[in-house]
Amino acid sequence: MKILYFDTETTGVDYLKHDITQFSAIVEIDGEVVEEVNFRCQPSRWENISEQALIVTGITVDQLRTYQKPEEMFKQIKDLLGKYIPKYTKMGDKFYPAGHNVSFDLNFLDSFFKLHGNSDDQKWGITSYQNWRALDSRVFSNFLGVCGKLPTENMKLSTICEHYGIELEAHDALSDIRATRKVIHKMIEILN
């Protein structure tokens, strides 16, 4: 099984107008980590940067200007995904996307592909690399909460990590996804 644990940091919460500025991922194949990446890029739409997003991530506009161009990060992400998922791969051989509230990150990544890719990328987005069975620690936490196996006051990643004793440097995509992977493994252990 191929799992892509990934997280993004963005310039806001609307994937149609805001941009990815950090993409971090852990590639796991059959239970073994085979690669870990941490990429940063400038936004494409500087005029849409949310002040709140800068506060949450602790990144300044001046720092964003030092990052690589988004087209360069797009190539890095596409090369990473293409290394493990050949074009036209069957659904069952594609990555299981994994994260905390992973649909948020999938929407941003799909938009990023459509904004920076070739005509195939613009048409298909991220779907060439992912299957539809996402592993989402937020969904798992809701389920475990209802079953009485996760007695936390909320389902924020930081709260869940604290409950399980997992270290987290919140709002850094690499720290977030490392912690999320540990949380998902812990939750799978509980569900088994």
N, C-alpha and C. Protein backbone atom coordinates (compact mmCIF):
# COMPACT_ATOMS: atom_id res chain seq x y z
N MET A 1 0.85 -1.18 0.00
CA MET A 1 0.00 0.00 0.00
C MET A 1 0.89 1.24 0.00
N LYS A 2 0.54 2.20 -0.83
CA LYS A 2 1.28 3.45 -0.93
C LYS A 2 0.47 4.56 -0.26
N ILE A 3 1.07 5.20 0.74
CA ILE A 3 0.40 6.28 1.45
C ILE A 3 1.23 7.55 1.31
N LEU A 4 0.58 8.63 0.96
CA LEU A 4 1.23 9.94 0.92
C LEU A 4 0.66 10.77 2.07
N TYR A 5 1.42 10.84 3.16
CA TYR A 5 1.05 11.72 4.26
C TYR A 5 1.54 13.10 3.84
N PHE A 6 0.66 14.09 3.81
CA PHE A 6 1.13 15.41 3.41
C PHE A 6 0.33 16.52 4.07
N ASP A 7 0.99 17.67 4.15
CA ASP A 7 0.37 18.85 4.74
C ASP A 7 0.85 20.07 3.95
N THR A 8 0.03 21.09 3.95
CA THR A 8 0.38 22.34 3.28
C THR A 8 0.23 23.50 4.26
N GLU A 9 1.00 24.53 4.03
CA GLU A 9 0.75 25.83 4.64
C GLU A 9 0.37 26.74 3.48
N THR A 10 -0.56 27.63 3.74
CA THR A 10 -1.16 28.41 2.65
C THR A 10 -1.28 29.90 3.03
N THR A 11 -1.64 30.68 2.03
CA THR A 11 -1.82 32.12 2.25
C THR A 11 -3.25 32.47 2.65
N GLY A 12 -4.05 31.49 2.95
CA GLY A 12 -5.44 31.70 3.36
C GLY A 12 -6.17 30.37 3.34
N VAL A 13 -7.48 30.41 3.48
CA VAL A 13 -8.25 29.16 3.58
C VAL A 13 -9.09 28.84 2.34
N ASP A 14 -9.06 29.70 1.32
CA ASP A 14 -9.85 29.49 0.11
C ASP A 14 -8.93 29.01 -1.02
N TYR A 15 -9.03 27.72 -1.34
CA TYR A 15 -8.13 27.15 -2.35
C TYR A 15 -8.33 27.75 -3.75
N LEU A 16 -9.43 28.43 -3.98
CA LEU A 16 -9.64 29.05 -5.28
C LEU A 16 -8.93 30.40 -5.41
N LYS A 17 -8.56 31.03 -4.29
CA LYS A 17 -7.87 32.32 -4.39
C LYS A 17 -6.57 32.41 -3.62
N HIS A 18 -6.32 31.48 -2.70
CA HIS A 18 -5.07 31.48 -1.94
C HIS A 18 -4.12 30.42 -2.47
N ASP A 19 -2.87 30.50 -2.04
CA ASP A 19 -1.82 29.64 -2.59
C ASP A 19 -1.11 28.82 -1.52
N ILE A 20 -0.50 27.72 -1.95
CA ILE A 20 0.37 26.92 -1.10
C ILE A 20 1.71 27.64 -1.00
N THR A 21 2.27 27.70 0.21
CA THR A 21 3.62 28.23 0.40
C THR A 21 4.57 27.18 0.98
N GLN A 22 4.00 26.08 1.50
CA GLN A 22 4.82 24.98 2.00
C GLN A 22 4.09 23.68 1.74
N PHE A 23 4.84 22.71 1.24
CA PHE A 23 4.32 21.36 1.02
C PHE A 23 5.31 20.39 1.66
N SER A 24 4.84 19.61 2.62
CA SER A 24 5.67 18.60 3.26
C SER A 24 4.97 17.26 3.14
N ALA A 25 5.78 16.22 2.89
CA ALA A 25 5.18 14.91 2.68
C ALA A 25 6.09 13.81 3.18
N ILE A 26 5.44 12.72 3.57
CA ILE A 26 6.12 11.48 3.92
C ILE A 26 5.53 10.40 3.01
N VAL A 27 6.38 9.73 2.26
CA VAL A 27 5.95 8.64 1.40
C VAL A 27 6.18 7.35 2.17
N GLU A 28 5.10 6.60 2.36
CA GLU A 28 5.16 5.31 3.06
C GLU A 28 4.68 4.23 2.10
N ILE A 29 5.49 3.21 1.93
CA ILE A 29 5.10 2.09 1.07
C ILE A 29 5.18 0.81 1.89
N ASP A 30 4.05 0.13 1.98
CA ASP A 30 3.94 -1.12 2.75
C ASP A 30 4.49 -0.95 4.17
N GLY A 31 4.15 0.16 4.80
CA GLY A 31 4.50 0.41 6.20
C GLY A 31 5.88 1.00 6.42
N GLU A 32 6.68 1.17 5.39
CA GLU A 32 8.03 1.72 5.52
C GLU A 32 8.11 3.12 4.92
N VAL A 33 8.71 4.04 5.64
CA VAL A 33 8.94 5.38 5.10
C VAL A 33 10.08 5.29 4.09
N VAL A 34 9.81 5.72 2.86
CA VAL A 34 10.82 5.67 1.81
C VAL A 34 11.34 7.05 1.42
N GLU A 35 10.59 8.09 1.79
CA GLU A 35 11.05 9.44 1.46
C GLU A 35 10.26 10.47 2.28
N GLU A 36 10.96 11.56 2.58
CA GLU A 36 10.34 12.68 3.28
C GLU A 36 10.82 13.95 2.59
N VAL A 37 9.89 14.87 2.31
CA VAL A 37 10.26 16.12 1.63
C VAL A 37 9.65 17.32 2.35
N ASN A 38 10.27 18.46 2.15
CA ASN A 38 9.77 19.72 2.69
C ASN A 38 10.12 20.82 1.69
N PHE A 39 9.12 21.28 0.94
CA PHE A 39 9.32 22.30 -0.09
C PHE A 39 8.60 23.58 0.31
N ARG A 40 9.18 24.71 -0.06
CA ARG A 40 8.53 26.01 0.16
C ARG A 40 8.56 26.79 -1.14
N CYS A 41 7.53 27.59 -1.36
CA CYS A 41 7.51 28.43 -2.56
C CYS A 41 6.77 29.74 -2.30
N GLN A 42 7.03 30.67 -3.18
CA GLN A 42 6.34 31.95 -3.15
C GLN A 42 4.89 31.74 -3.61
N PRO A 43 4.00 32.58 -3.17
CA PRO A 43 2.63 32.50 -3.71
C PRO A 43 2.60 33.05 -5.13
N SER A 44 1.60 32.65 -5.89
CA SER A 44 1.40 33.19 -7.23
C SER A 44 0.59 34.48 -7.17
N ARG A 45 -0.30 34.53 -6.19
CA ARG A 45 -1.24 35.66 -6.09
C ARG A 45 -0.95 36.44 -4.81
N TRP A 46 0.07 37.26 -4.88
CA TRP A 46 0.52 38.05 -3.73
C TRP A 46 -0.60 38.92 -3.16
N GLU A 47 -1.46 39.40 -4.03
CA GLU A 47 -2.52 40.31 -3.60
C GLU A 47 -3.57 39.64 -2.71
N ASN A 48 -3.59 38.30 -2.70
CA ASN A 48 -4.60 37.57 -1.93
C ASN A 48 -4.10 37.03 -0.60
N ILE A 49 -2.89 37.40 -0.19
CA ILE A 49 -2.34 36.88 1.06
C ILE A 49 -3.19 37.38 2.24
N SER A 50 -3.65 36.44 3.04
CA SER A 50 -4.43 36.77 4.23
C SER A 50 -3.49 37.11 5.38
N GLU A 51 -3.74 38.23 6.02
CA GLU A 51 -2.95 38.62 7.19
C GLU A 51 -3.05 37.56 8.29
N GLN A 52 -4.23 36.98 8.43
CA GLN A 52 -4.43 35.93 9.45
C GLN A 52 -3.55 34.72 9.15
N ALA A 53 -3.40 34.35 7.89
CA ALA A 53 -2.54 33.21 7.53
C ALA A 53 -1.10 33.48 7.90
N LEU A 54 -0.64 34.70 7.72
CA LEU A 54 0.73 35.05 8.10
C LEU A 54 0.92 34.95 9.61
N ILE A 55 -0.09 35.38 10.35
CA ILE A 55 -0.03 35.30 11.81
C ILE A 55 0.02 33.84 12.26
N VAL A 56 -0.84 33.01 11.69
CA VAL A 56 -0.91 31.59 12.07
C VAL A 56 0.40 30.87 11.78
N THR A 57 0.98 31.11 10.60
CA THR A 57 2.21 30.40 10.22
C THR A 57 3.47 31.06 10.76
N GLY A 58 3.37 32.34 11.15
CA GLY A 58 4.55 33.05 11.63
C GLY A 58 5.52 33.43 10.52
N ILE A 59 5.05 33.42 9.29
CA ILE A 59 5.88 33.75 8.13
C ILE A 59 5.57 35.19 7.70
N THR A 60 6.60 35.91 7.29
CA THR A 60 6.41 37.28 6.81
C THR A 60 6.45 37.31 5.29
N VAL A 61 5.95 38.39 4.73
CA VAL A 61 6.00 38.57 3.28
C VAL A 61 7.46 38.59 2.81
N ASP A 62 8.35 39.20 3.58
CA ASP A 62 9.76 39.22 3.22
C ASP A 62 10.33 37.80 3.17
N GLN A 63 9.93 36.94 4.09
CA GLN A 63 10.39 35.54 4.06
C GLN A 63 9.85 34.83 2.82
N LEU A 64 8.58 35.07 2.51
CA LEU A 64 7.98 34.45 1.32
C LEU A 64 8.77 34.80 0.06
N ARG A 65 9.28 36.03 0.00
CA ARG A 65 10.03 36.47 -1.19
C ARG A 65 11.33 35.69 -1.38
N THR A 66 11.85 35.06 -0.32
CA THR A 66 13.10 34.30 -0.42
C THR A 66 12.86 32.87 -0.90
N TYR A 67 11.61 32.42 -0.94
CA TYR A 67 11.30 31.05 -1.35
C TYR A 67 11.40 30.91 -2.86
N GLN A 68 11.50 29.66 -3.32
CA GLN A 68 11.56 29.40 -4.75
C GLN A 68 10.24 29.76 -5.43
N LYS A 69 10.28 29.84 -6.74
CA LYS A 69 9.08 30.13 -7.54
C LYS A 69 8.14 28.93 -7.47
N PRO A 70 6.83 29.17 -7.56
CA PRO A 70 5.88 28.06 -7.45
C PRO A 70 6.06 27.02 -8.57
N GLU A 71 6.49 27.45 -9.74
CA GLU A 71 6.69 26.50 -10.84
C GLU A 71 7.79 25.49 -10.51
N GLU A 72 8.79 25.94 -9.76
CA GLU A 72 9.88 25.04 -9.35
C GLU A 72 9.37 24.02 -8.33
N MET A 73 8.56 24.49 -7.38
CA MET A 73 8.01 23.55 -6.40
C MET A 73 7.04 22.58 -7.07
N PHE A 74 6.28 23.06 -8.03
CA PHE A 74 5.37 22.18 -8.76
C PHE A 74 6.15 21.02 -9.38
N LYS A 75 7.27 21.34 -10.02
CA LYS A 75 8.09 20.30 -10.64
C LYS A 75 8.62 19.32 -9.59
N GLN A 76 9.03 19.83 -8.44
CA GLN A 76 9.53 18.95 -7.37
C GLN A 76 8.43 17.99 -6.89
N ILE A 77 7.22 18.52 -6.71
CA ILE A 77 6.11 17.68 -6.25
C ILE A 77 5.75 16.65 -7.31
N LYS A 78 5.68 17.09 -8.55
CA LYS A 78 5.32 16.17 -9.63
C LYS A 78 6.38 15.08 -9.79
N ASP A 79 7.65 15.45 -9.68
CA ASP A 79 8.73 14.46 -9.75
C ASP A 79 8.61 13.46 -8.60
N LEU A 80 8.32 13.94 -7.39
CA LEU A 80 8.15 13.06 -6.24
C LEU A 80 7.02 12.07 -6.48
N LEU A 81 5.86 12.57 -6.87
CA LEU A 81 4.71 11.69 -7.07
C LEU A 81 4.95 10.72 -8.22
N GLY A 82 5.55 11.22 -9.31
CA GLY A 82 5.82 10.39 -10.47
C GLY A 82 6.84 9.29 -10.22
N LYS A 83 7.69 9.47 -9.23
CA LYS A 83 8.68 8.46 -8.87
C LYS A 83 7.99 7.19 -8.35
N TYR A 84 6.83 7.35 -7.73
CA TYR A 84 6.14 6.22 -7.10
C TYR A 84 4.84 5.82 -7.80
N ILE A 85 4.29 6.73 -8.58
CA ILE A 85 3.02 6.46 -9.26
C ILE A 85 3.19 6.75 -10.75
N PRO A 86 3.40 5.71 -11.56
CA PRO A 86 3.54 5.95 -13.00
C PRO A 86 2.22 6.47 -13.60
N LYS A 87 2.36 7.23 -14.67
CA LYS A 87 1.19 7.78 -15.34
C LYS A 87 0.26 6.63 -15.75
N TYR A 88 -1.03 6.87 -15.66
CA TYR A 88 -2.08 5.92 -16.05
C TYR A 88 -2.13 4.67 -15.15
N THR A 89 -1.70 4.83 -13.91
CA THR A 89 -1.75 3.74 -12.94
C THR A 89 -3.20 3.47 -12.54
N LYS A 90 -3.51 2.18 -12.28
CA LYS A 90 -4.85 1.82 -11.82
C LYS A 90 -5.13 2.45 -10.46
N MET A 91 -6.38 2.65 -10.16
CA MET A 91 -6.79 3.31 -8.92
C MET A 91 -6.18 2.65 -7.68
N GLY A 92 -6.15 1.34 -7.61
CA GLY A 92 -5.66 0.64 -6.44
C GLY A 92 -4.16 0.79 -6.21
N ASP A 93 -3.42 1.22 -7.22
CA ASP A 93 -1.97 1.39 -7.11
C ASP A 93 -1.56 2.83 -6.83
N LYS A 94 -2.53 3.71 -6.70
CA LYS A 94 -2.24 5.12 -6.44
C LYS A 94 -2.09 5.37 -4.94
N PHE A 95 -1.58 6.55 -4.61
CA PHE A 95 -1.41 6.92 -3.21
C PHE A 95 -2.74 7.03 -2.49
N TYR A 96 -2.76 6.55 -1.25
CA TYR A 96 -3.82 6.91 -0.32
C TYR A 96 -3.39 8.26 0.25
N PRO A 97 -4.13 9.32 0.03
CA PRO A 97 -3.75 10.60 0.64
C PRO A 97 -4.07 10.54 2.13
N ALA A 98 -3.16 11.08 2.95
CA ALA A 98 -3.36 11.01 4.40
C ALA A 98 -2.96 12.34 5.04
N GLY A 99 -3.75 12.75 6.02
CA GLY A 99 -3.46 13.98 6.74
C GLY A 99 -4.53 14.26 7.78
N HIS A 100 -4.43 15.42 8.39
CA HIS A 100 -5.45 15.86 9.35
C HIS A 100 -6.30 16.89 8.62
N ASN A 101 -7.59 16.58 8.43
CA ASN A 101 -8.47 17.37 7.58
C ASN A 101 -7.89 17.41 6.17
N VAL A 102 -7.58 16.23 5.66
CA VAL A 102 -6.83 16.09 4.41
C VAL A 102 -7.57 16.67 3.20
N SER A 103 -8.88 16.79 3.25
CA SER A 103 -9.59 17.37 2.10
C SER A 103 -9.17 18.82 1.88
N PHE A 104 -8.88 19.55 2.95
CA PHE A 104 -8.37 20.93 2.83
C PHE A 104 -7.10 20.94 1.98
N ASP A 105 -6.15 20.07 2.33
CA ASP A 105 -4.87 20.03 1.64
C ASP A 105 -5.01 19.47 0.23
N LEU A 106 -5.89 18.49 0.04
CA LEU A 106 -6.14 17.96 -1.31
C LEU A 106 -6.69 19.04 -2.23
N ASN A 107 -7.62 19.83 -1.72
CA ASN A 107 -8.17 20.91 -2.55
C ASN A 107 -7.09 21.90 -2.97
N PHE A 108 -6.21 22.25 -2.02
CA PHE A 108 -5.13 23.18 -2.35
C PHE A 108 -4.14 22.55 -3.34
N LEU A 109 -3.80 21.28 -3.14
CA LEU A 109 -2.85 20.63 -4.03
C LEU A 109 -3.44 20.48 -5.43
N ASP A 110 -4.70 20.13 -5.51
CA ASP A 110 -5.38 20.02 -6.80
C ASP A 110 -5.38 21.36 -7.52
N SER A 111 -5.70 22.42 -6.80
CA SER A 111 -5.69 23.77 -7.37
C SER A 111 -4.29 24.16 -7.83
N PHE A 112 -3.28 23.79 -7.05
CA PHE A 112 -1.88 24.07 -7.38
C PHE A 112 -1.50 23.39 -8.69
N PHE A 113 -1.91 22.12 -8.85
CA PHE A 113 -1.63 21.40 -10.09
C PHE A 113 -2.32 22.07 -11.27
N LYS A 114 -3.55 22.47 -11.09
CA LYS A 114 -4.30 23.09 -12.19
C LYS A 114 -3.75 24.47 -12.54
N LEU A 115 -3.18 25.16 -11.58
CA LEU A 115 -2.64 26.50 -11.81
C LEU A 115 -1.27 26.45 -12.48
N HIS A 116 -0.45 25.46 -12.14
CA HIS A 116 0.94 25.46 -12.59
C HIS A 116 1.30 24.36 -13.57
N GLY A 117 0.40 23.42 -13.82
CA GLY A 117 0.74 22.28 -14.64
C GLY A 117 0.45 22.44 -16.12
N ASN A 118 0.73 21.36 -16.86
CA ASN A 118 0.45 21.33 -18.28
C ASN A 118 -1.04 21.05 -18.49
N SER A 119 -1.45 20.83 -19.72
CA SER A 119 -2.88 20.66 -20.01
C SER A 119 -3.46 19.44 -19.31
N ASP A 120 -2.69 18.33 -19.20
CA ASP A 120 -3.18 17.15 -18.46
C ASP A 120 -3.36 17.48 -16.98
N ASP A 121 -2.38 18.18 -16.39
CA ASP A 121 -2.48 18.56 -14.98
C ASP A 121 -3.65 19.50 -14.76
N GLN A 122 -3.86 20.41 -15.70
CA GLN A 122 -4.96 21.35 -15.57
C GLN A 122 -6.30 20.65 -15.66
N LYS A 123 -6.35 19.59 -16.45
CA LYS A 123 -7.60 18.83 -16.59
C LYS A 123 -7.84 17.90 -15.40
N TRP A 124 -6.80 17.15 -15.00
CA TRP A 124 -6.97 16.09 -14.01
C TRP A 124 -6.52 16.47 -12.60
N GLY A 125 -5.71 17.52 -12.47
CA GLY A 125 -5.23 17.91 -11.14
C GLY A 125 -4.43 16.80 -10.50
N ILE A 126 -4.66 16.57 -9.24
CA ILE A 126 -3.91 15.58 -8.47
C ILE A 126 -4.46 14.16 -8.63
N THR A 127 -5.59 14.02 -9.31
CA THR A 127 -6.26 12.70 -9.38
C THR A 127 -5.44 11.64 -10.10
N SER A 128 -4.44 12.03 -10.88
CA SER A 128 -3.58 11.03 -11.53
C SER A 128 -2.76 10.24 -10.52
N TYR A 129 -2.61 10.78 -9.32
CA TYR A 129 -1.73 10.18 -8.32
C TYR A 129 -2.44 9.65 -7.08
N GLN A 130 -3.69 9.98 -6.87
CA GLN A 130 -4.37 9.61 -5.62
C GLN A 130 -5.58 8.74 -5.87
N ASN A 131 -5.83 7.84 -4.95
CA ASN A 131 -7.11 7.16 -4.99
C ASN A 131 -8.06 7.94 -4.08
N TRP A 132 -9.26 7.49 -3.94
CA TRP A 132 -10.28 8.28 -3.22
C TRP A 132 -10.47 7.85 -1.78
N ARG A 133 -9.68 6.91 -1.31
CA ARG A 133 -9.81 6.43 0.07
C ARG A 133 -8.81 7.14 0.96
N ALA A 134 -9.13 8.34 1.35
CA ALA A 134 -8.22 9.15 2.16
C ALA A 134 -8.20 8.66 3.61
N LEU A 135 -7.02 8.77 4.22
CA LEU A 135 -6.86 8.50 5.65
C LEU A 135 -6.81 9.85 6.34
N ASP A 136 -7.81 10.14 7.14
CA ASP A 136 -7.92 11.46 7.74
C ASP A 136 -8.02 11.34 9.25
N SER A 137 -6.99 11.82 9.95
CA SER A 137 -6.99 11.70 11.42
C SER A 137 -8.13 12.50 12.05
N ARG A 138 -8.61 13.51 11.37
CA ARG A 138 -9.75 14.27 11.92
C ARG A 138 -11.01 13.41 11.89
N VAL A 139 -11.22 12.70 10.79
CA VAL A 139 -12.37 11.81 10.69
C VAL A 139 -12.25 10.66 11.70
N PHE A 140 -11.04 10.07 11.78
CA PHE A 140 -10.81 9.02 12.76
C PHE A 140 -11.09 9.53 14.17
N SER A 141 -10.65 10.75 14.48
CA SER A 141 -10.82 11.28 15.83
C SER A 141 -12.30 11.49 16.16
N ASN A 142 -13.08 11.90 15.18
CA ASN A 142 -14.52 12.03 15.41
C ASN A 142 -15.13 10.67 15.75
N PHE A 143 -14.74 9.66 15.00
CA PHE A 143 -15.24 8.31 15.23
C PHE A 143 -14.82 7.80 16.61
N LEU A 144 -13.54 7.95 16.93
CA LEU A 144 -13.05 7.49 18.24
C LEU A 144 -13.69 8.28 19.38
N GLY A 145 -13.95 9.56 19.16
CA GLY A 145 -14.62 10.37 20.18
C GLY A 145 -16.02 9.87 20.47
N VAL A 146 -16.76 9.56 19.43
CA VAL A 146 -18.13 9.05 19.59
C VAL A 146 -18.12 7.71 20.32
N CYS A 147 -17.08 6.91 20.06
CA CYS A 147 -16.97 5.58 20.71
C CYS A 147 -16.41 5.66 22.13
N GLY A 148 -16.07 6.88 22.58
CA GLY A 148 -15.53 7.05 23.91
C GLY A 148 -14.06 6.69 24.04
N LYS A 149 -13.35 6.58 22.92
CA LYS A 149 -11.94 6.18 22.95
C LYS A 149 -10.99 7.36 22.74
N LEU A 150 -11.54 8.56 22.61
CA LEU A 150 -10.71 9.77 22.48
C LEU A 150 -11.42 10.90 23.22
N PRO A 151 -11.25 10.93 24.54
CA PRO A 151 -11.96 11.92 25.36
C PRO A 151 -11.26 13.28 25.37
N THR A 152 -11.30 13.99 24.25
CA THR A 152 -10.69 15.32 24.17
C THR A 152 -11.78 16.36 23.99
N GLU A 153 -11.45 17.61 24.35
CA GLU A 153 -12.45 18.68 24.25
C GLU A 153 -12.71 19.12 22.81
N ASN A 154 -11.74 18.86 21.90
CA ASN A 154 -11.93 19.19 20.49
C ASN A 154 -11.09 18.23 19.65
N MET A 155 -11.18 18.35 18.35
CA MET A 155 -10.48 17.44 17.45
C MET A 155 -9.34 18.14 16.70
N LYS A 156 -8.79 19.20 17.28
CA LYS A 156 -7.63 19.86 16.69
C LYS A 156 -6.43 18.93 16.76
N LEU A 157 -5.55 19.02 15.77
CA LEU A 157 -4.36 18.18 15.76
C LEU A 157 -3.54 18.38 17.03
N SER A 158 -3.40 19.62 17.47
CA SER A 158 -2.60 19.89 18.66
C SER A 158 -3.20 19.22 19.90
N THR A 159 -4.50 19.21 20.01
CA THR A 159 -5.18 18.58 21.15
C THR A 159 -5.00 17.07 21.12
N ILE A 160 -5.14 16.49 19.94
CA ILE A 160 -5.00 15.03 19.80
C ILE A 160 -3.56 14.62 20.09
N CYS A 161 -2.60 15.40 19.56
CA CYS A 161 -1.19 15.10 19.82
C CYS A 161 -0.88 15.16 21.31
N GLU A 162 -1.41 16.18 21.96
CA GLU A 162 -1.20 16.30 23.41
C GLU A 162 -1.77 15.07 24.13
N HIS A 163 -2.96 14.64 23.72
CA HIS A 163 -3.61 13.47 24.34
C HIS A 163 -2.74 12.23 24.21
N TYR A 164 -2.13 12.04 23.04
CA TYR A 164 -1.31 10.85 22.79
C TYR A 164 0.16 11.03 23.16
N GLY A 165 0.55 12.23 23.61
CA GLY A 165 1.94 12.48 23.95
C GLY A 165 2.86 12.57 22.74
N ILE A 166 2.34 13.10 21.65
CA ILE A 166 3.10 13.23 20.40
C ILE A 166 3.54 14.68 20.25
N GLU A 167 4.84 14.87 20.00
CA GLU A 167 5.40 16.21 19.85
C GLU A 167 4.90 16.87 18.57
N LEU A 168 4.58 18.17 18.67
CA LEU A 168 4.08 18.92 17.52
C LEU A 168 4.53 20.36 17.61
N GLU A 169 5.10 20.86 16.51
CA GLU A 169 5.37 22.29 16.35
C GLU A 169 4.32 22.78 15.37
N ALA A 170 3.19 23.22 15.89
CA ALA A 170 2.02 23.52 15.06
C ALA A 170 2.29 24.57 14.00
N HIS A 171 1.61 24.37 12.87
CA HIS A 171 1.61 25.28 11.72
C HIS A 171 2.95 25.35 11.00
N ASP A 172 3.69 24.27 11.08
CA ASP A 172 4.81 24.01 10.18
C ASP A 172 4.45 22.69 9.51
N ALA A 173 4.33 22.70 8.19
CA ALA A 173 3.81 21.53 7.49
C ALA A 173 4.60 20.26 7.78
N LEU A 174 5.92 20.34 7.89
CA LEU A 174 6.71 19.14 8.13
C LEU A 174 6.44 18.58 9.54
N SER A 175 6.43 19.44 10.54
CA SER A 175 6.12 18.99 11.89
C SER A 175 4.70 18.44 11.97
N ASP A 176 3.76 19.15 11.32
CA ASP A 176 2.36 18.71 11.33
C ASP A 176 2.21 17.31 10.74
N ILE A 177 2.89 17.07 9.59
CA ILE A 177 2.65 15.78 8.94
C ILE A 177 3.38 14.65 9.65
N ARG A 178 4.52 14.94 10.25
CA ARG A 178 5.19 13.90 11.06
C ARG A 178 4.29 13.49 12.22
N ALA A 179 3.72 14.48 12.89
CA ALA A 179 2.82 14.20 14.02
C ALA A 179 1.55 13.50 13.54
N THR A 180 1.01 13.94 12.43
CA THR A 180 -0.22 13.34 11.90
C THR A 180 0.00 11.87 11.57
N ARG A 181 1.13 11.55 10.99
CA ARG A 181 1.44 10.14 10.67
C ARG A 181 1.44 9.31 11.96
N LYS A 182 2.06 9.83 13.02
CA LYS A 182 2.08 9.10 14.30
C LYS A 182 0.67 8.95 14.86
N VAL A 183 -0.14 10.02 14.74
CA VAL A 183 -1.52 9.97 15.22
C VAL A 183 -2.31 8.92 14.46
N ILE A 184 -2.19 8.90 13.13
CA ILE A 184 -2.93 7.93 12.32
C ILE A 184 -2.52 6.51 12.68
N HIS A 185 -1.22 6.28 12.83
CA HIS A 185 -0.76 4.94 13.22
C HIS A 185 -1.32 4.55 14.59
N LYS A 186 -1.35 5.49 15.53
CA LYS A 186 -1.91 5.22 16.86
C LYS A 186 -3.41 4.89 16.75
N MET A 187 -4.12 5.63 15.93
CA MET A 187 -5.56 5.41 15.78
C MET A 187 -5.84 4.07 15.10
N ILE A 188 -5.04 3.71 14.12
CA ILE A 188 -5.21 2.40 13.47
C ILE A 188 -4.97 1.29 14.49
N GLU A 189 -3.96 1.47 15.34
CA GLU A 189 -3.69 0.52 16.41
C GLU A 189 -4.89 0.37 17.33
N ILE A 190 -5.50 1.49 17.71
CA ILE A 190 -6.69 1.46 18.57
C ILE A 190 -7.86 0.77 17.87
N LEU A 191 -8.05 1.08 16.59
CA LEU A 191 -9.16 0.49 15.83
C LEU A 191 -8.98 -1.01 15.62
N ASN A 192 -7.70 -1.44 15.59
CA ASN A 192 -7.45 -2.89 15.42
C ASN A 192 -7.66 -3.60 16.75
